Amino acid sequence: MVTREVMQDEADFPGPKCLAAGFDFLERNRADDDWLPMLEGFDPHEPFHAPEHFRDAFPTDYEGGALDWPHYARVTENPTELDEIRANYVALVAMCDEYPGRLLDYFEAHDMWKDTALVVSTDHGVQLSERGW
């Protein structure tokens, strides 16, 4: 719950913060040669919390408290609770998709594809009740 106190605006989330720093770097250095920024956006990661406009796209029937951190054990949640956890995760993934998309748009707008490589890597996934876990 502390996360929600710190990350109230979309710009406060790790992905948007990381990309803002990346865009700042590119604005200062894109015309130069021999640079290599490494951006690590952290998300999607627990807690599965995203700004409301992302979360609103994935409604559920859940009416309880925050369900944004799976237990990573045998499933004990009911189907409605699982729907809520998954919806929170997918909302966060949607935000994670949007911000690298902005980076691709930036590359396109500044004709960077002709002399700049973009390498993308990812972390692990999570099980959200698959196979009972």
N, C-alpha and C. Protein backbone atom coordinates (compact mmCIF):
# COMPACT_ATOMS: atom_id res chain seq x y z
N MET A 1 0.82 -1.19 0.00
CA MET A 1 0.00 0.00 0.00
C MET A 1 0.87 1.26 0.00
N VAL A 2 2.08 1.14 0.51
CA VAL A 2 2.98 2.28 0.49
C VAL A 2 3.27 2.71 -0.95
N THR A 3 3.33 1.75 -1.85
CA THR A 3 3.57 2.04 -3.26
C THR A 3 2.52 3.01 -3.79
N ARG A 4 1.29 2.82 -3.41
CA ARG A 4 0.22 3.70 -3.90
C ARG A 4 0.37 5.12 -3.36
N GLU A 5 0.98 5.28 -2.21
CA GLU A 5 1.22 6.61 -1.67
C GLU A 5 2.32 7.33 -2.46
N VAL A 6 3.33 6.57 -2.90
CA VAL A 6 4.46 7.15 -3.60
C VAL A 6 4.16 7.34 -5.09
N MET A 7 3.44 6.39 -5.68
CA MET A 7 3.16 6.43 -7.12
C MET A 7 1.71 6.84 -7.34
N GLN A 8 1.46 8.12 -7.23
CA GLN A 8 0.10 8.61 -7.40
C GLN A 8 -0.16 9.07 -8.84
N ASP A 9 0.83 9.66 -9.46
CA ASP A 9 0.71 10.11 -10.85
C ASP A 9 1.43 9.12 -11.75
N GLU A 10 1.00 9.03 -12.99
CA GLU A 10 1.62 8.09 -13.92
C GLU A 10 3.13 8.31 -14.03
N ALA A 11 3.56 9.55 -13.98
CA ALA A 11 4.99 9.87 -14.09
C ALA A 11 5.80 9.32 -12.92
N ASP A 12 5.14 8.93 -11.83
CA ASP A 12 5.82 8.38 -10.65
C ASP A 12 6.15 6.90 -10.78
N PHE A 13 5.57 6.22 -11.76
CA PHE A 13 5.78 4.78 -11.93
C PHE A 13 7.17 4.52 -12.51
N PRO A 14 7.77 3.36 -12.22
CA PRO A 14 9.13 3.08 -12.70
C PRO A 14 9.31 3.19 -14.22
N GLY A 15 8.41 2.60 -15.00
CA GLY A 15 8.55 2.65 -16.46
C GLY A 15 8.55 4.06 -17.00
N PRO A 16 7.55 4.87 -16.66
CA PRO A 16 7.56 6.25 -17.14
C PRO A 16 8.78 7.04 -16.66
N LYS A 17 9.23 6.81 -15.43
CA LYS A 17 10.42 7.50 -14.93
C LYS A 17 11.65 7.10 -15.74
N CYS A 18 11.78 5.82 -15.99
CA CYS A 18 12.92 5.31 -16.75
C CYS A 18 12.93 5.89 -18.17
N LEU A 19 11.77 5.84 -18.83
CA LEU A 19 11.71 6.35 -20.20
C LEU A 19 11.93 7.86 -20.24
N ALA A 20 11.47 8.59 -19.24
CA ALA A 20 11.71 10.04 -19.20
C ALA A 20 13.22 10.31 -19.15
N ALA A 21 13.93 9.54 -18.34
CA ALA A 21 15.39 9.69 -18.28
C ALA A 21 16.02 9.31 -19.62
N GLY A 22 15.49 8.26 -20.25
CA GLY A 22 16.00 7.85 -21.56
C GLY A 22 15.79 8.91 -22.62
N PHE A 23 14.60 9.51 -22.63
CA PHE A 23 14.34 10.57 -23.60
C PHE A 23 15.23 11.78 -23.34
N ASP A 24 15.47 12.09 -22.07
CA ASP A 24 16.37 13.18 -21.73
C ASP A 24 17.77 12.90 -22.29
N PHE A 25 18.25 11.67 -22.09
CA PHE A 25 19.55 11.28 -22.63
C PHE A 25 19.57 11.42 -24.15
N LEU A 26 18.55 10.92 -24.81
CA LEU A 26 18.51 10.98 -26.27
C LEU A 26 18.46 12.41 -26.78
N GLU A 27 17.72 13.26 -26.11
CA GLU A 27 17.66 14.66 -26.53
C GLU A 27 19.05 15.30 -26.47
N ARG A 28 19.83 14.93 -25.47
CA ARG A 28 21.16 15.51 -25.32
C ARG A 28 22.22 14.84 -26.19
N ASN A 29 22.03 13.57 -26.57
CA ASN A 29 23.12 12.81 -27.17
C ASN A 29 22.83 12.16 -28.52
N ARG A 30 21.62 12.20 -29.02
CA ARG A 30 21.29 11.40 -30.21
C ARG A 30 22.10 11.78 -31.44
N ALA A 31 22.56 13.01 -31.53
CA ALA A 31 23.35 13.42 -32.69
C ALA A 31 24.82 13.00 -32.58
N ASP A 32 25.24 12.57 -31.41
CA ASP A 32 26.62 12.16 -31.19
C ASP A 32 26.82 10.70 -31.60
N ASP A 33 28.07 10.30 -31.70
CA ASP A 33 28.41 8.91 -31.99
C ASP A 33 28.81 8.20 -30.70
N ASP A 34 28.76 6.87 -30.76
CA ASP A 34 29.32 6.02 -29.71
C ASP A 34 28.70 6.22 -28.33
N TRP A 35 27.40 6.10 -28.26
CA TRP A 35 26.73 6.14 -26.96
C TRP A 35 25.91 4.87 -26.79
N LEU A 36 25.68 4.51 -25.55
CA LEU A 36 24.92 3.30 -25.25
C LEU A 36 24.16 3.50 -23.94
N PRO A 37 22.90 3.91 -24.02
CA PRO A 37 22.11 3.95 -22.79
C PRO A 37 21.51 2.57 -22.52
N MET A 38 21.36 2.24 -21.27
CA MET A 38 20.71 0.98 -20.88
C MET A 38 19.55 1.36 -19.98
N LEU A 39 18.34 1.08 -20.42
CA LEU A 39 17.14 1.42 -19.66
C LEU A 39 16.54 0.14 -19.09
N GLU A 40 16.19 0.15 -17.83
CA GLU A 40 15.58 -1.01 -17.19
C GLU A 40 14.33 -0.51 -16.47
N GLY A 41 13.19 -0.89 -16.97
CA GLY A 41 11.94 -0.33 -16.50
C GLY A 41 11.30 -0.99 -15.30
N PHE A 42 11.85 -2.08 -14.77
CA PHE A 42 11.38 -2.76 -13.58
C PHE A 42 10.06 -3.49 -13.77
N ASP A 43 9.07 -2.83 -14.28
CA ASP A 43 7.73 -3.44 -14.41
C ASP A 43 7.60 -4.26 -15.68
N PRO A 44 6.70 -5.21 -15.74
CA PRO A 44 5.65 -5.49 -14.76
C PRO A 44 6.20 -6.30 -13.58
N HIS A 45 5.99 -5.78 -12.43
CA HIS A 45 6.50 -6.40 -11.22
C HIS A 45 5.53 -6.10 -10.10
N GLU A 46 5.57 -6.92 -9.07
CA GLU A 46 4.70 -6.69 -7.94
C GLU A 46 5.05 -5.35 -7.28
N PRO A 47 4.10 -4.66 -6.76
CA PRO A 47 2.67 -4.94 -6.84
C PRO A 47 2.14 -4.63 -8.23
N PHE A 48 1.16 -5.40 -8.67
CA PHE A 48 0.55 -5.20 -9.98
C PHE A 48 -0.42 -4.04 -9.87
N HIS A 49 0.13 -2.86 -9.96
CA HIS A 49 -0.61 -1.61 -9.78
C HIS A 49 -0.30 -0.71 -10.96
N ALA A 50 -1.32 -0.22 -11.63
CA ALA A 50 -1.15 0.65 -12.79
C ALA A 50 -2.08 1.85 -12.65
N PRO A 51 -1.78 2.93 -13.36
CA PRO A 51 -2.68 4.08 -13.35
C PRO A 51 -4.10 3.67 -13.78
N GLU A 52 -5.07 4.37 -13.26
CA GLU A 52 -6.48 4.02 -13.46
C GLU A 52 -6.88 3.88 -14.93
N HIS A 53 -6.37 4.74 -15.80
CA HIS A 53 -6.81 4.65 -17.20
C HIS A 53 -6.35 3.35 -17.85
N PHE A 54 -5.29 2.74 -17.36
CA PHE A 54 -4.93 1.40 -17.84
C PHE A 54 -5.80 0.35 -17.17
N ARG A 55 -6.01 0.50 -15.86
CA ARG A 55 -6.79 -0.49 -15.11
C ARG A 55 -8.25 -0.52 -15.54
N ASP A 56 -8.81 0.62 -15.88
CA ASP A 56 -10.22 0.70 -16.28
C ASP A 56 -10.53 -0.12 -17.53
N ALA A 57 -9.52 -0.43 -18.31
CA ALA A 57 -9.72 -1.20 -19.54
C ALA A 57 -9.99 -2.68 -19.26
N PHE A 58 -9.82 -3.11 -18.01
CA PHE A 58 -9.95 -4.53 -17.66
C PHE A 58 -10.86 -4.70 -16.44
N PRO A 59 -12.15 -4.46 -16.60
CA PRO A 59 -13.07 -4.53 -15.46
C PRO A 59 -13.25 -5.97 -14.94
N THR A 60 -13.52 -6.07 -13.66
CA THR A 60 -13.84 -7.36 -13.04
C THR A 60 -15.05 -7.15 -12.12
N ASP A 61 -15.54 -8.23 -11.56
CA ASP A 61 -16.65 -8.15 -10.61
C ASP A 61 -16.17 -8.10 -9.16
N TYR A 62 -14.87 -8.03 -8.95
CA TYR A 62 -14.30 -8.03 -7.61
C TYR A 62 -14.64 -6.74 -6.88
N GLU A 63 -14.98 -6.84 -5.60
CA GLU A 63 -15.37 -5.66 -4.82
C GLU A 63 -14.61 -5.53 -3.51
N GLY A 64 -13.53 -6.28 -3.32
CA GLY A 64 -12.78 -6.22 -2.07
C GLY A 64 -11.62 -5.26 -2.13
N GLY A 65 -10.64 -5.47 -1.22
CA GLY A 65 -9.45 -4.64 -1.15
C GLY A 65 -8.48 -4.95 -2.28
N ALA A 66 -7.32 -4.31 -2.23
CA ALA A 66 -6.32 -4.47 -3.28
C ALA A 66 -5.85 -5.92 -3.38
N LEU A 67 -5.85 -6.44 -4.59
CA LEU A 67 -5.30 -7.76 -4.89
C LEU A 67 -4.28 -7.57 -6.00
N ASP A 68 -3.08 -7.23 -5.61
CA ASP A 68 -2.07 -6.91 -6.61
C ASP A 68 -0.75 -7.63 -6.39
N TRP A 69 -0.76 -8.62 -5.49
CA TRP A 69 0.47 -9.35 -5.20
C TRP A 69 0.13 -10.81 -4.98
N PRO A 70 0.31 -11.67 -5.99
CA PRO A 70 -0.03 -13.08 -5.83
C PRO A 70 0.78 -13.73 -4.71
N HIS A 71 0.24 -14.80 -4.16
CA HIS A 71 0.90 -15.49 -3.06
C HIS A 71 2.02 -16.41 -3.54
N TYR A 72 2.08 -16.75 -4.81
CA TYR A 72 3.08 -17.65 -5.36
C TYR A 72 3.14 -18.97 -4.59
N ALA A 73 2.00 -19.55 -4.46
CA ALA A 73 1.82 -20.85 -3.82
C ALA A 73 0.61 -21.50 -4.48
N ARG A 74 0.18 -22.62 -3.99
CA ARG A 74 -1.04 -23.23 -4.52
C ARG A 74 -2.17 -22.22 -4.44
N VAL A 75 -3.00 -22.21 -5.47
CA VAL A 75 -4.09 -21.25 -5.56
C VAL A 75 -5.10 -21.47 -4.43
N THR A 76 -5.39 -20.40 -3.72
CA THR A 76 -6.46 -20.43 -2.71
C THR A 76 -7.52 -19.39 -3.02
N GLU A 77 -7.23 -18.50 -3.98
CA GLU A 77 -8.17 -17.44 -4.33
C GLU A 77 -9.34 -18.02 -5.13
N ASN A 78 -10.49 -17.38 -5.00
CA ASN A 78 -11.65 -17.80 -5.79
C ASN A 78 -11.53 -17.19 -7.20
N PRO A 79 -12.35 -17.65 -8.15
CA PRO A 79 -12.23 -17.16 -9.53
C PRO A 79 -12.36 -15.64 -9.67
N THR A 80 -13.19 -15.01 -8.88
CA THR A 80 -13.34 -13.55 -8.96
C THR A 80 -12.06 -12.86 -8.49
N GLU A 81 -11.44 -13.39 -7.45
CA GLU A 81 -10.18 -12.82 -6.97
C GLU A 81 -9.07 -13.04 -7.99
N LEU A 82 -9.05 -14.20 -8.60
CA LEU A 82 -8.05 -14.46 -9.66
C LEU A 82 -8.24 -13.51 -10.83
N ASP A 83 -9.48 -13.27 -11.20
CA ASP A 83 -9.75 -12.31 -12.28
C ASP A 83 -9.18 -10.94 -11.93
N GLU A 84 -9.33 -10.54 -10.68
CA GLU A 84 -8.84 -9.23 -10.24
C GLU A 84 -7.31 -9.17 -10.30
N ILE A 85 -6.65 -10.19 -9.79
CA ILE A 85 -5.18 -10.22 -9.83
C ILE A 85 -4.70 -10.17 -11.28
N ARG A 86 -5.32 -10.97 -12.14
CA ARG A 86 -4.93 -10.98 -13.55
C ARG A 86 -5.19 -9.64 -14.22
N ALA A 87 -6.32 -9.03 -13.91
CA ALA A 87 -6.65 -7.72 -14.50
C ALA A 87 -5.64 -6.67 -14.07
N ASN A 88 -5.22 -6.71 -12.82
CA ASN A 88 -4.20 -5.76 -12.36
C ASN A 88 -2.88 -5.99 -13.07
N TYR A 89 -2.53 -7.25 -13.26
CA TYR A 89 -1.30 -7.58 -13.99
C TYR A 89 -1.38 -7.11 -15.44
N VAL A 90 -2.49 -7.40 -16.11
CA VAL A 90 -2.63 -7.03 -17.52
C VAL A 90 -2.64 -5.51 -17.69
N ALA A 91 -3.22 -4.80 -16.75
CA ALA A 91 -3.20 -3.33 -16.81
C ALA A 91 -1.76 -2.82 -16.74
N LEU A 92 -0.98 -3.43 -15.86
CA LEU A 92 0.42 -3.03 -15.75
C LEU A 92 1.19 -3.39 -17.02
N VAL A 93 0.92 -4.55 -17.59
CA VAL A 93 1.56 -4.93 -18.84
C VAL A 93 1.17 -3.95 -19.96
N ALA A 94 -0.07 -3.52 -19.98
CA ALA A 94 -0.51 -2.54 -20.99
C ALA A 94 0.30 -1.26 -20.87
N MET A 95 0.55 -0.80 -19.65
CA MET A 95 1.37 0.39 -19.47
C MET A 95 2.80 0.10 -19.94
N CYS A 96 3.30 -1.07 -19.61
CA CYS A 96 4.66 -1.45 -20.03
C CYS A 96 4.79 -1.52 -21.55
N ASP A 97 3.73 -1.85 -22.24
CA ASP A 97 3.73 -1.86 -23.70
C ASP A 97 3.72 -0.45 -24.27
N GLU A 98 2.99 0.43 -23.64
CA GLU A 98 2.84 1.78 -24.19
C GLU A 98 4.15 2.56 -24.18
N TYR A 99 4.90 2.47 -23.13
CA TYR A 99 6.09 3.31 -23.01
C TYR A 99 7.21 2.92 -23.98
N PRO A 100 7.55 1.66 -24.16
CA PRO A 100 8.51 1.34 -25.22
C PRO A 100 7.98 1.73 -26.61
N GLY A 101 6.67 1.69 -26.78
CA GLY A 101 6.09 2.16 -28.03
C GLY A 101 6.41 3.62 -28.28
N ARG A 102 6.44 4.40 -27.22
CA ARG A 102 6.81 5.81 -27.35
C ARG A 102 8.28 5.95 -27.77
N LEU A 103 9.11 5.02 -27.27
CA LEU A 103 10.52 5.03 -27.68
C LEU A 103 10.64 4.70 -29.16
N LEU A 104 9.88 3.73 -29.63
CA LEU A 104 9.89 3.40 -31.06
C LEU A 104 9.44 4.60 -31.88
N ASP A 105 8.41 5.29 -31.41
CA ASP A 105 7.94 6.49 -32.11
C ASP A 105 9.03 7.56 -32.16
N TYR A 106 9.77 7.69 -31.06
CA TYR A 106 10.85 8.67 -30.99
C TYR A 106 11.93 8.33 -32.03
N PHE A 107 12.31 7.06 -32.10
CA PHE A 107 13.30 6.63 -33.09
C PHE A 107 12.81 6.99 -34.49
N GLU A 108 11.55 6.72 -34.76
CA GLU A 108 10.98 7.02 -36.07
C GLU A 108 10.98 8.52 -36.34
N ALA A 109 10.54 9.31 -35.39
CA ALA A 109 10.43 10.77 -35.57
C ALA A 109 11.79 11.42 -35.79
N HIS A 110 12.84 10.82 -35.27
CA HIS A 110 14.18 11.40 -35.38
C HIS A 110 15.08 10.62 -36.35
N ASP A 111 14.47 9.76 -37.17
CA ASP A 111 15.19 9.01 -38.21
C ASP A 111 16.41 8.28 -37.65
N MET A 112 16.23 7.65 -36.50
CA MET A 112 17.34 6.99 -35.81
C MET A 112 17.58 5.56 -36.28
N TRP A 113 16.65 4.97 -37.02
CA TRP A 113 16.79 3.57 -37.41
C TRP A 113 17.96 3.33 -38.35
N LYS A 114 18.38 4.34 -39.08
CA LYS A 114 19.44 4.13 -40.06
C LYS A 114 20.82 3.91 -39.42
N ASP A 115 21.01 4.36 -38.19
CA ASP A 115 22.34 4.23 -37.59
C ASP A 115 22.30 3.87 -36.09
N THR A 116 21.17 3.40 -35.62
CA THR A 116 21.04 3.10 -34.20
C THR A 116 20.39 1.74 -34.02
N ALA A 117 20.97 0.92 -33.19
CA ALA A 117 20.39 -0.39 -32.85
C ALA A 117 19.63 -0.26 -31.53
N LEU A 118 18.53 -0.93 -31.45
CA LEU A 118 17.75 -0.98 -30.22
C LEU A 118 17.65 -2.45 -29.82
N VAL A 119 18.15 -2.78 -28.66
CA VAL A 119 18.12 -4.14 -28.15
C VAL A 119 17.12 -4.19 -27.00
N VAL A 120 16.20 -5.14 -27.07
CA VAL A 120 15.18 -5.29 -26.03
C VAL A 120 15.33 -6.66 -25.39
N SER A 121 15.35 -6.70 -24.09
CA SER A 121 15.35 -7.98 -23.38
C SER A 121 14.29 -7.92 -22.29
N THR A 122 13.94 -9.07 -21.79
CA THR A 122 12.90 -9.12 -20.77
C THR A 122 13.32 -10.01 -19.62
N ASP A 123 12.58 -9.92 -18.56
CA ASP A 123 12.77 -10.73 -17.37
C ASP A 123 11.85 -11.95 -17.48
N HIS A 124 11.62 -12.62 -16.44
CA HIS A 124 10.76 -13.80 -16.39
C HIS A 124 9.28 -13.41 -16.39
N GLY A 125 8.43 -14.37 -16.59
CA GLY A 125 7.00 -14.17 -16.46
C GLY A 125 6.54 -14.66 -15.09
N VAL A 126 5.26 -14.65 -14.87
CA VAL A 126 4.71 -15.15 -13.60
C VAL A 126 3.54 -16.08 -13.90
N GLN A 127 3.30 -16.99 -13.00
CA GLN A 127 2.13 -17.85 -13.10
C GLN A 127 1.00 -17.19 -12.31
N LEU A 128 -0.12 -17.01 -12.97
CA LEU A 128 -1.28 -16.42 -12.29
C LEU A 128 -2.40 -17.43 -12.26
N SER A 129 -2.15 -18.51 -11.58
CA SER A 129 -3.02 -19.65 -11.29
C SER A 129 -2.92 -20.75 -12.32
N GLU A 130 -1.98 -20.62 -13.26
CA GLU A 130 -1.79 -21.70 -14.22
C GLU A 130 -1.35 -22.96 -13.48
N ARG A 131 -1.96 -24.07 -13.84
CA ARG A 131 -1.63 -25.37 -13.24
C ARG A 131 -1.80 -25.36 -11.72
N GLY A 132 -2.71 -24.54 -11.24
CA GLY A 132 -3.01 -24.51 -9.82
C GLY A 132 -2.03 -23.74 -8.96
N TRP A 133 -1.12 -23.01 -9.61
CA TRP A 133 -0.15 -22.20 -8.87
C TRP A 133 -0.33 -20.75 -9.20
